[in-house]
Amino acid sequence: MLKIIFMGTPEFAVPILARLIQSDYKPAAVFCAPDKPVGRKQILTPPLTKVLAQENNIPAYQPANSHELADIMKSLSYDIVITAAYGLIFPKEVLDAPQYGCLNVHPSLLPKYRGASPIQSAILNGDSETGVTIYKMDGKVDHGPIIAQEKIQMKEACHFERSEESRGSKATRATDIINPTNPELFQILSDLSAELLIEILPDWLAGKITPMPQDDSLASHTKIIKKEDGQIDWQKSAKEIEQQIRAYTPWPSSFGKWQMADGKWQALKIIEANGIEKKYDKKVGEVFLTENGNLAIQTGSGSLIIKKLQTEGGKPLNASNFLRGHKDIIGTVLN
């Protein structure tokens, strides 16, 4: 009987693990990060993949580092490892041990967007397409030869569907989303990854797939996102800022600095906005009302129409409700 080990921690990994459990490829063990304190009360909380494993009577291991990972793996018998956003570096002995290798599921069209933030990067850069890649791990970050890949289109009015040319596709599956946010695209790519993995596993195990090396000359790398990356540069175009807002939802979020009447500066989070090409006779960063009464901010190119925003420590409000309590924002210039 085929013995599968699954490794993954964040929400992206959950649909993939769930699909494996529902299929003929139920893992014999699940690896994930250790439980972490969550929320203001810092309650020790297990990863969702651990919860799912325990619900299905699958042993869950939580090594704190690569050395612990290697020690645990030595005690287990397994034929293939499948990973999705796991986090730990695999020692060579772990990579070399399974008969069918270690496969990783990655939410980009490798070699584009290797690294930590591929989904955010696709939105941030206004890409017309993105997708998922399954590759055989070789010890380098998102570097191994490609086993399978599937694209989806990202448009102004996004229409995501399974390509009829895709391996094993039986029917189209479509979801209409206008200007996807990070969580929306995250969910679509996670679901797509789960389906693609189940489709290709039989052929991979039967030796019918020849992995294709990645073209390193086309590689691009993404960074670990930090809180300060959310600071909006109002000199950028309205379109670029809108893409940032969608890419950095819910974290690190996108924010400007607003100087209050008492002279203190406060962070102002922009939760939802539309970038338009029209430019008004305003200073860059200036808050104003359009001729239609819409709350807007002037950018380096075009204007940002604000739909939802939040003051530091306040609740998220739509623009009209926000203005009822903060009319003094009109005419101010955000940093």
Protein backbone atom coordinates (compact mmCIF):
# COMPACT_ATOMS: atom_id res chain seq x y z
CA MET A 1 0.00 0.00 0.00
CA LEU A 2 1.31 3.43 -0.98
CA LYS A 3 2.45 5.43 2.05
CA ILE A 4 2.10 9.20 1.66
CA ILE A 5 3.37 11.88 4.00
CA PHE A 6 1.81 15.32 3.67
CA MET A 7 3.53 18.47 4.92
CA GLY A 8 1.81 21.84 5.14
CA THR A 9 0.76 24.40 7.71
CA PRO A 10 -1.21 27.47 6.53
CA GLU A 11 -4.72 27.68 5.11
CA PHE A 12 -3.42 27.20 1.56
CA ALA A 13 -2.55 23.62 2.47
CA VAL A 14 -5.95 22.71 3.94
CA PRO A 15 -7.97 22.08 0.72
CA ILE A 16 -5.04 20.07 -0.66
CA LEU A 17 -4.89 17.84 2.42
CA ALA A 18 -8.68 17.53 2.48
CA ARG A 19 -8.74 16.43 -1.16
CA LEU A 20 -6.05 13.81 -0.52
CA ILE A 21 -8.02 12.45 2.45
CA GLN A 22 -11.17 12.19 0.31
CA SER A 23 -9.32 10.39 -2.48
CA ASP A 24 -7.43 7.10 -2.73
CA TYR A 25 -4.31 8.93 -1.49
CA LYS A 26 -5.03 9.45 2.19
CA PRO A 27 -1.77 10.38 3.93
CA ALA A 28 -0.28 8.08 6.54
CA ALA A 29 1.08 11.09 8.44
CA VAL A 30 0.84 14.88 8.42
CA PHE A 31 3.62 17.32 9.32
CA CYS A 32 2.96 20.94 10.25
CA ALA A 33 4.40 23.78 12.35
CA PRO A 34 4.11 23.73 16.15
CA ASP A 35 1.02 25.21 17.83
CA LYS A 36 1.26 29.00 18.21
CA PRO A 37 -0.33 31.63 20.49
CA VAL A 38 -3.13 33.44 18.64
CA GLY A 39 -5.14 36.59 19.35
CA ARG A 40 -5.02 39.12 22.15
CA LYS A 41 -5.30 36.40 24.77
CA GLN A 42 -2.48 34.45 23.09
CA ILE A 43 -4.37 31.17 23.16
CA LEU A 44 -2.19 28.26 22.02
CA THR A 45 -3.78 27.18 18.73
CA PRO A 46 -2.97 24.21 16.45
CA PRO A 47 -2.57 24.65 12.67
CA LEU A 48 -5.68 23.82 10.66
CA THR A 49 -3.85 20.96 8.95
CA LYS A 50 -3.21 19.36 12.35
CA VAL A 51 -6.90 19.71 13.25
CA LEU A 52 -7.92 18.12 9.94
CA ALA A 53 -5.44 15.27 10.45
CA GLN A 54 -6.71 14.54 13.94
CA GLU A 55 -10.33 14.58 12.75
CA ASN A 56 -9.39 11.85 10.29
CA ASN A 57 -7.26 9.77 12.67
CA ILE A 58 -3.99 10.67 10.94
CA PRO A 59 -0.87 11.08 13.12
CA ALA A 60 0.35 14.69 13.17
CA TYR A 61 3.99 15.65 13.76
CA GLN A 62 5.20 19.16 14.55
CA PRO A 63 9.00 19.41 14.36
CA ALA A 64 10.42 22.79 15.32
CA ASN A 65 13.35 22.65 12.91
CA SER A 66 14.92 20.68 10.08
CA HIS A 67 16.96 18.51 12.45
CA GLU A 68 13.82 17.37 14.27
CA LEU A 69 12.16 16.79 10.90
CA ALA A 70 14.97 14.50 9.77
CA ASP A 71 14.93 12.55 13.04
CA ILE A 72 11.19 11.90 12.83
CA MET A 73 11.34 10.93 9.14
CA LYS A 74 14.01 8.31 9.91
CA SER A 75 11.50 6.50 12.09
CA LEU A 76 8.80 6.41 9.39
CA SER A 77 8.24 4.32 6.29
CA TYR A 78 7.01 6.30 3.28
CA ASP A 79 6.94 6.22 -0.53
CA ILE A 80 6.23 9.86 -1.43
CA VAL A 81 6.13 13.24 0.30
CA ILE A 82 3.71 15.97 -0.78
CA THR A 83 4.19 19.48 0.55
CA ALA A 84 2.27 22.76 0.33
CA ALA A 85 3.61 25.88 2.07
CA TYR A 86 5.37 23.86 4.74
CA GLY A 87 8.25 26.16 5.65
CA LEU A 88 11.13 23.97 6.82
CA ILE A 89 14.16 23.19 4.67
CA PHE A 90 14.36 19.50 3.78
CA PRO A 91 17.65 17.74 4.60
CA LYS A 92 19.11 15.78 1.68
CA GLU A 93 18.35 12.44 3.32
CA VAL A 94 14.64 13.35 3.43
CA LEU A 95 14.61 14.42 -0.22
CA ASP A 96 16.39 11.26 -1.38
CA ALA A 97 14.49 8.71 0.71
CA PRO A 98 11.04 8.31 -0.94
CA GLN A 99 10.72 6.16 -4.06
CA TYR A 100 8.49 8.72 -5.79
CA GLY A 101 10.27 11.80 -4.51
CA CYS A 102 9.08 14.90 -2.71
CA LEU A 103 6.49 16.94 -4.62
CA ASN A 104 5.69 20.54 -3.81
CA VAL A 105 2.57 22.48 -4.76
CA HIS A 106 3.30 26.16 -5.46
CA PRO A 107 0.79 28.95 -6.31
CA SER A 108 2.57 30.52 -9.28
CA LEU A 109 3.67 29.66 -12.79
CA LEU A 110 7.23 28.70 -11.98
CA PRO A 111 9.92 29.78 -12.56
CA LYS A 112 8.03 33.06 -12.08
CA TYR A 113 7.54 34.10 -8.46
CA ARG A 114 9.66 31.68 -6.53
CA GLY A 115 9.66 32.30 -2.80
CA ALA A 116 7.36 33.49 -0.05
CA SER A 117 4.70 35.75 -1.63
CA PRO A 118 3.72 34.56 -5.13
CA ILE A 119 0.00 35.29 -4.84
CA GLN A 120 0.51 38.82 -3.54
CA SER A 121 3.11 39.45 -6.24
CA ALA A 122 0.79 38.42 -9.08
CA ILE A 123 -1.85 40.90 -7.88
CA LEU A 124 0.66 43.61 -7.00
CA ASN A 125 2.18 43.51 -10.48
CA GLY A 126 -1.16 43.47 -12.29
CA ASP A 127 -0.46 40.17 -14.04
CA SER A 128 -2.93 38.99 -16.68
CA GLU A 129 -2.49 35.36 -15.69
CA THR A 130 -1.26 33.22 -12.84
CA GLY A 131 -1.62 29.58 -11.86
CA VAL A 132 -0.22 26.64 -9.92
CA THR A 133 2.82 24.41 -10.35
CA ILE A 134 3.63 20.96 -9.01
CA TYR A 135 7.34 20.19 -9.08
CA LYS A 136 9.82 17.67 -7.73
CA MET A 137 11.87 19.21 -4.93
CA ASP A 138 15.64 19.28 -5.36
CA GLY A 139 16.80 21.18 -2.27
CA LYS A 140 16.68 24.68 -3.76
CA VAL A 141 13.77 27.06 -3.18
CA ASP A 142 11.03 26.41 -5.79
CA HIS A 143 13.70 25.21 -8.20
CA GLY A 144 12.99 21.57 -9.05
CA PRO A 145 11.73 20.16 -12.37
CA ILE A 146 8.07 20.77 -13.19
CA ILE A 147 5.63 17.85 -13.15
CA ALA A 148 2.41 19.72 -13.90
CA GLN A 149 1.20 23.29 -14.29
CA GLU A 150 -2.11 24.99 -14.90
CA LYS A 151 -2.92 28.61 -15.76
CA ILE A 152 -5.85 30.84 -14.94
CA GLN A 153 -6.59 34.24 -16.44
CA MET A 154 -6.84 37.40 -14.35
CA LYS A 155 -8.79 40.21 -15.99
CA GLU A 156 -10.61 43.36 -14.95
CA ALA A 157 -13.71 41.20 -14.57
CA CYS A 158 -11.95 37.96 -13.69
CA HIS A 159 -13.35 34.74 -15.13
CA PHE A 160 -11.45 31.81 -13.70
CA GLU A 161 -12.01 28.48 -15.34
CA ARG A 162 -10.33 25.15 -15.81
CA SER A 163 -8.70 25.07 -19.23
CA GLU A 164 -10.10 22.42 -21.57
CA GLU A 165 -6.50 21.64 -22.53
CA SER A 166 -5.54 20.95 -18.91
CA ARG A 167 -4.46 17.46 -17.96
CA GLY A 168 -7.42 15.34 -16.91
CA SER A 169 -9.93 18.18 -17.19
CA LYS A 170 -13.43 16.79 -17.48
CA ALA A 171 -15.34 20.07 -17.47
CA THR A 172 -14.84 23.77 -17.03
CA ARG A 173 -15.19 25.20 -13.55
CA ALA A 174 -15.68 28.96 -13.45
CA THR A 175 -15.80 31.63 -10.79
CA ASP A 176 -16.51 35.27 -11.59
CA ILE A 177 -14.54 37.71 -9.48
CA ILE A 178 -13.99 41.39 -10.19
CA ASN A 179 -10.45 42.47 -9.28
CA PRO A 180 -9.52 39.60 -6.93
CA THR A 181 -8.09 40.30 -3.50
CA ASN A 182 -5.34 38.19 -2.00
CA PRO A 183 -7.79 35.97 -0.02
CA GLU A 184 -9.99 35.40 -3.10
CA LEU A 185 -7.12 34.42 -5.37
CA PHE A 186 -5.57 32.41 -2.53
CA GLN A 187 -8.71 30.27 -2.24
CA ILE A 188 -9.04 29.72 -5.99
CA LEU A 189 -5.41 28.65 -6.38
CA SER A 190 -5.60 26.40 -3.34
CA ASP A 191 -8.66 24.60 -4.72
CA LEU A 192 -7.09 24.39 -8.17
CA SER A 193 -3.89 22.94 -6.67
CA ALA A 194 -5.87 20.24 -4.90
CA GLU A 195 -7.64 19.19 -8.08
CA LEU A 196 -4.50 19.24 -10.22
CA LEU A 197 -2.58 17.14 -7.68
CA ILE A 198 -5.22 14.41 -7.64
CA GLU A 199 -5.33 14.43 -11.46
CA ILE A 200 -1.60 13.96 -11.98
CA LEU A 201 -0.76 11.54 -9.14
CA PRO A 202 -1.78 8.34 -10.98
CA ASP A 203 0.42 9.17 -13.99
CA TRP A 204 3.31 10.29 -11.78
CA LEU A 205 3.24 7.09 -9.75
CA ALA A 206 3.01 5.03 -12.95
CA GLY A 207 6.12 6.74 -14.37
CA LYS A 208 4.21 8.35 -17.22
CA ILE A 209 5.35 11.93 -16.51
CA THR A 210 8.82 13.23 -17.35
CA PRO A 211 9.66 16.28 -15.20
CA MET A 212 10.70 19.35 -17.18
CA PRO A 213 13.60 21.47 -15.85
CA GLN A 214 12.80 25.08 -15.06
CA ASP A 215 14.40 27.82 -17.13
CA ASP A 216 16.42 29.68 -14.51
CA SER A 217 16.89 32.64 -16.87
CA LEU A 218 13.15 33.37 -16.50
CA ALA A 219 13.11 33.05 -12.72
CA SER A 220 11.86 35.83 -10.48
CA HIS A 221 11.90 35.85 -6.70
CA THR A 222 9.42 37.18 -4.16
CA LYS A 223 10.19 38.54 -0.74
CA ILE A 224 8.85 38.00 2.75
CA ILE A 225 6.30 40.78 3.20
CA LYS A 226 6.75 43.10 6.17
CA LYS A 227 4.36 45.48 7.91
CA GLU A 228 6.08 48.55 6.49
CA ASP A 229 5.42 47.33 2.94
CA GLY A 230 1.81 48.40 3.46
CA GLN A 231 2.72 52.10 3.57
CA ILE A 232 1.17 53.69 0.46
CA ASP A 233 3.36 55.81 -1.80
CA TRP A 234 0.88 58.35 -3.14
CA GLN A 235 3.29 59.25 -5.96
CA LYS A 236 2.45 55.89 -7.56
CA SER A 237 -0.44 55.59 -9.99
CA ALA A 238 -3.98 54.97 -8.77
CA LYS A 239 -3.93 51.60 -10.52
CA GLU A 240 -0.72 50.54 -8.75
CA ILE A 241 -2.12 51.58 -5.38
CA GLU A 242 -5.38 49.74 -6.01
CA GLN A 243 -3.38 46.59 -6.84
CA GLN A 244 -1.39 47.01 -3.63
CA ILE A 245 -4.59 47.29 -1.58
CA ARG A 246 -5.92 44.04 -3.05
CA ALA A 247 -2.56 42.26 -2.74
CA TYR A 248 -1.98 43.23 0.88
CA THR A 249 -5.46 42.36 2.15
CA PRO A 250 -5.77 41.41 5.00
CA TRP A 251 -2.10 41.75 5.98
CA PRO A 252 -0.05 43.89 6.14
CA SER A 253 -2.92 46.02 4.79
CA SER A 254 -2.38 49.31 2.91
CA PHE A 255 -2.30 52.58 4.80
CA GLY A 256 -1.43 56.26 4.68
CA LYS A 257 -0.70 58.69 7.48
CA TRP A 258 -3.33 61.35 8.34
CA GLN A 259 -2.47 64.41 10.43
CA MET A 260 -5.29 65.05 12.89
CA ALA A 261 -6.49 68.48 14.12
CA ASP A 262 -4.30 68.13 17.23
CA GLY A 263 -1.22 67.73 15.04
CA LYS A 264 -0.77 64.02 15.70
CA TRP A 265 -0.37 61.58 12.83
CA GLN A 266 -2.64 58.54 12.65
CA ALA A 267 -2.54 55.52 10.36
CA LEU A 268 -5.48 55.37 7.95
CA LYS A 269 -6.08 51.94 6.47
CA ILE A 270 -7.55 51.82 2.96
CA ILE A 271 -9.49 48.55 2.75
CA GLU A 272 -11.22 48.84 -0.61
CA ALA A 273 -10.76 51.32 -3.45
CA ASN A 274 -10.94 51.78 -7.22
CA GLY A 275 -8.23 53.45 -9.26
CA ILE A 276 -9.40 55.74 -12.06
CA GLU A 277 -7.36 57.55 -14.70
CA LYS A 278 -8.96 60.94 -14.17
CA LYS A 279 -6.69 63.40 -12.40
CA TYR A 280 -8.04 66.39 -10.50
CA ASP A 281 -6.38 69.71 -9.73
CA LYS A 282 -5.24 68.51 -6.32
CA LYS A 283 -1.99 67.85 -4.52
CA VAL A 284 -0.64 64.30 -4.52
CA GLY A 285 -2.08 62.61 -1.43
CA GLU A 286 -4.86 65.19 -1.02
CA VAL A 287 -8.27 63.93 0.13
CA PHE A 288 -11.26 65.40 -1.68
CA LEU A 289 -14.79 64.79 -2.94
CA THR A 290 -15.40 64.21 -6.63
CA GLU A 291 -18.16 65.93 -8.57
CA ASN A 292 -20.30 62.86 -7.76
CA GLY A 293 -19.62 63.14 -4.05
CA ASN A 294 -17.23 60.19 -3.91
CA LEU A 295 -14.42 60.23 -1.38
CA ALA A 296 -11.14 60.27 -3.31
CA ILE A 297 -7.40 60.69 -2.93
CA GLN A 298 -5.16 62.22 -5.60
CA THR A 299 -2.23 60.03 -6.68
CA GLY A 300 0.78 60.56 -8.90
CA SER A 301 -1.30 59.43 -11.87
CA GLY A 302 -5.07 59.26 -11.62
CA SER A 303 -7.25 59.23 -8.54
CA LEU A 304 -8.21 56.62 -5.97
CA ILE A 305 -11.94 56.35 -5.22
CA ILE A 306 -12.27 55.13 -1.63
CA LYS A 307 -14.97 52.58 -0.81
CA LYS A 308 -13.98 51.31 2.63
CA LEU A 309 -11.44 52.54 5.18
CA GLN A 310 -10.52 52.38 8.84
CA THR A 311 -8.88 54.67 11.36
CA GLU A 312 -6.31 53.31 13.78
CA GLY A 313 -8.25 51.53 16.52
CA GLY A 314 -11.57 52.14 14.75
CA LYS A 315 -13.97 49.89 12.86
CA PRO A 316 -13.98 49.39 9.08
CA LEU A 317 -16.49 51.83 7.53
CA ASN A 318 -17.75 52.49 4.06
CA ALA A 319 -16.82 55.94 2.75
CA SER A 320 -20.19 57.62 3.39
CA ASN A 321 -20.36 56.44 7.01
CA PHE A 322 -16.74 57.43 7.55
CA LEU A 323 -17.38 60.98 6.33
CA ARG A 324 -20.22 61.47 8.81
CA GLY A 325 -17.70 61.40 11.64
CA HIS A 326 -14.61 62.65 9.84
CA LYS A 327 -15.54 65.53 7.55
CA ASP A 328 -12.32 67.24 8.60
CA ILE A 329 -10.35 64.81 6.43
CA ILE A 330 -11.39 66.68 3.28
CA GLY A 331 -8.57 68.90 2.11
CA THR A 332 -5.88 67.21 4.17
CA VAL A 333 -2.82 65.67 2.49
CA LEU A 334 -1.90 62.13 3.46
CA ASN A 335 1.66 60.93 3.85
